[in-house]
C-alpha atoms as a PDB file:
ATOM      1  CA  MET A   1       1.818   9.318   2.119  1.00  0.00           C
ATOM      2  CA  ALA A   2       3.859   8.052  -0.790  1.00  0.00           C
ATOM      3  CA  THR A   3       6.288   5.097  -0.346  1.00  0.00           C
ATOM      4  CA  LEU A   4       7.671   3.923  -3.482  1.00  0.00           C
ATOM      5  CA  THR A   5       6.300   6.131  -6.155  1.00  0.00           C
ATOM      6  CA  GLY A   6       9.165   6.985  -8.477  1.00  0.00           C
ATOM      7  CA  GLY A   7       9.177  10.763  -7.569  1.00  0.00           C
ATOM      8  CA  VAL A   8       9.660   9.923  -3.752  1.00  0.00           C
ATOM      9  CA  VAL A   9      12.277   7.328  -4.627  1.00  0.00           C
ATOM     10  CA  ILE A  10      14.397   9.963  -6.542  1.00  0.00           C
ATOM     11  CA  GLY A  11      13.802  12.545  -4.145  1.00  0.00           C
ATOM     12  CA  LEU A  12      14.404  10.661  -0.897  1.00  0.00           C
ATOM     13  CA  GLY A  13      15.667   7.507  -1.880  1.00  0.00           C
ATOM     14  CA  LYS A  14      14.125   3.963  -0.552  1.00  0.00           C
ATOM     15  CA  ALA A  15      14.903   4.448   3.118  1.00  0.00           C
ATOM     16  CA  LEU A  16      11.845   6.619   4.115  1.00  0.00           C
ATOM     17  CA  ALA A  17       8.463   7.556   2.686  1.00  0.00           C
ATOM     18  CA  GLY A  18       7.188  11.040   1.769  1.00  0.00           C
ATOM     19  CA  VAL A  19       4.337  12.648   3.710  1.00  0.00           C
ATOM     20  CA  MET A  20       2.076  15.232   1.959  1.00  0.00           C
ATOM     21  CA  THR A  21      -0.275  17.137   4.358  1.00  0.00           C
ATOM     22  CA  ASN A  22      -1.354  20.773   5.178  1.00  0.00           C
ATOM     23  CA  SER A  23      -2.273  19.434   8.663  1.00  0.00           C
ATOM     24  CA  ASP A  24       0.386  19.784  11.223  1.00  0.00           C
ATOM     25  CA  GLU A  25      -2.045  17.680  13.769  1.00  0.00           C
ATOM     26  CA  LEU A  26      -2.135  14.853  10.970  1.00  0.00           C
ATOM     27  CA  MET A  27       1.722  15.308  10.564  1.00  0.00           C
ATOM     28  CA  GLU A  28       2.155  14.481  14.237  1.00  0.00           C
ATOM     29  CA  GLU A  29       0.311  11.473  14.119  1.00  0.00           C
ATOM     30  CA  PHE A  30       2.579  10.298  11.095  1.00  0.00           C
ATOM     31  CA  ASN A  31       5.378  11.181  13.161  1.00  0.00           C
ATOM     32  CA  GLN A  32       4.269   8.979  16.137  1.00  0.00           C
ATOM     33  CA  ALA A  33       3.309   6.212  13.702  1.00  0.00           C
ATOM     34  CA  SER A  34       6.769   6.031  12.021  1.00  0.00           C
ATOM     35  CA  LYS A  35       8.611   6.124  15.297  1.00  0.00           C
ATOM     36  CA  GLN A  36       6.324   3.008  16.572  1.00  0.00           C
ATOM     37  CA  ALA A  37       6.736   1.359  13.321  1.00  0.00           C
ATOM     38  CA  GLY A  38      10.766   2.052  13.002  1.00  0.00           C
ATOM     39  CA  GLU A  39      10.176   3.686   9.678  1.00  0.00           C
ATOM     40  CA  LYS A  40      11.425   6.936   8.538  1.00  0.00           C
ATOM     41  CA  ILE A  41       9.314   9.612   6.687  1.00  0.00           C
ATOM     42  CA  TRP A  42       9.913  13.204   5.509  1.00  0.00           C
ATOM     43  CA  ARG A  43       7.237  16.028   5.049  1.00  0.00           C
ATOM     44  CA  LEU A  44       7.076  17.200   1.399  1.00  0.00           C
ATOM     45  CA  PRO A  45       5.421  20.537   0.532  1.00  0.00           C
ATOM     46  CA  ILE A  46       1.942  20.598  -0.981  1.00  0.00           C
ATOM     47  CA  TRP A  47       0.681  24.095  -2.048  1.00  0.00           C
ATOM     48  CA  ASP A  48      -2.189  25.260  -4.220  1.00  0.00           C
ATOM     49  CA  GLU A  49       0.470  25.760  -7.222  1.00  0.00           C
ATOM     50  CA  HIS A  50       0.301  21.851  -7.157  1.00  0.00           C
ATOM     51  CA  ARG A  51      -3.361  21.553  -8.298  1.00  0.00           C
ATOM     52  CA  ASP A  52      -2.678  22.774 -11.766  1.00  0.00           C
ATOM     53  CA  LEU A  53      -0.333  19.768 -12.206  1.00  0.00           C
ATOM     54  CA  MET A  54      -3.632  17.494 -11.373  1.00  0.00           C
ATOM     55  CA  LYS A  55      -6.016  19.030 -14.066  1.00  0.00           C
ATOM     56  CA  GLY A  56      -7.197  16.416 -16.571  1.00  0.00           C
ATOM     57  CA  GLN A  57      -9.290  16.282 -19.535  1.00  0.00           C
ATOM     58  CA  ALA A  58     -11.126  13.206 -18.588  1.00  0.00           C
ATOM     59  CA  SER A  59     -11.022  12.872 -14.919  1.00  0.00           C
ATOM     60  CA  ASP A  60     -11.119  15.198 -11.984  1.00  0.00           C
ATOM     61  CA  LEU A  61      -7.439  14.434 -10.777  1.00  0.00           C
ATOM     62  CA  VAL A  62      -4.653  13.096 -12.841  1.00  0.00           C
ATOM     63  CA  ASN A  63      -1.709  11.193 -10.993  1.00  0.00           C
ATOM     64  CA  SER A  64       1.065  11.272 -13.646  1.00  0.00           C
ATOM     65  CA  GLY A  65       1.213  14.584 -15.499  1.00  0.00           C
ATOM     66  CA  PRO A  66       3.680  15.445 -18.270  1.00  0.00           C
ATOM     67  CA  GLY A  67       7.165  15.481 -17.151  1.00  0.00           C
ATOM     68  CA  ARG A  68       8.342  14.410 -13.774  1.00  0.00           C
ATOM     69  CA  ASN A  69       7.703  17.714 -11.929  1.00  0.00           C
ATOM     70  CA  ALA A  70       6.109  17.025  -8.483  1.00  0.00           C
ATOM     71  CA  SER A  71       5.208  13.478  -9.517  1.00  0.00           C
ATOM     72  CA  PRO A  72       5.084  12.173  -5.620  1.00  0.00           C
ATOM     73  CA  LEU A  73       2.545  15.000  -4.945  1.00  0.00           C
ATOM     74  CA  GLN A  74       0.349  14.208  -8.098  1.00  0.00           C
ATOM     75  CA  ALA A  75       0.259  10.194  -6.965  1.00  0.00           C
ATOM     76  CA  ALA A  76      -0.263  11.017  -3.380  1.00  0.00           C
ATOM     77  CA  ARG A  77      -3.275  13.269  -4.062  1.00  0.00           C
ATOM     78  CA  SER A  78      -5.317  11.305  -6.751  1.00  0.00           C
END
């Protein structure tokens, strides 16, 4: 889940958090928790193509690649 990462704020604003998961069951748990907490969330896609954005020279994952493409996905995955 990404709350105030720059990419999420740009895409969704400050009123809700972005959730990245391939699991429908986990997303349902997030939905239930968000309702109980009174916090808004929005499911964002995460696909295999995003893995290329996370490849780095010195580490297994990079959480801020060149430019701003898919930045919430990169930050949330690492």
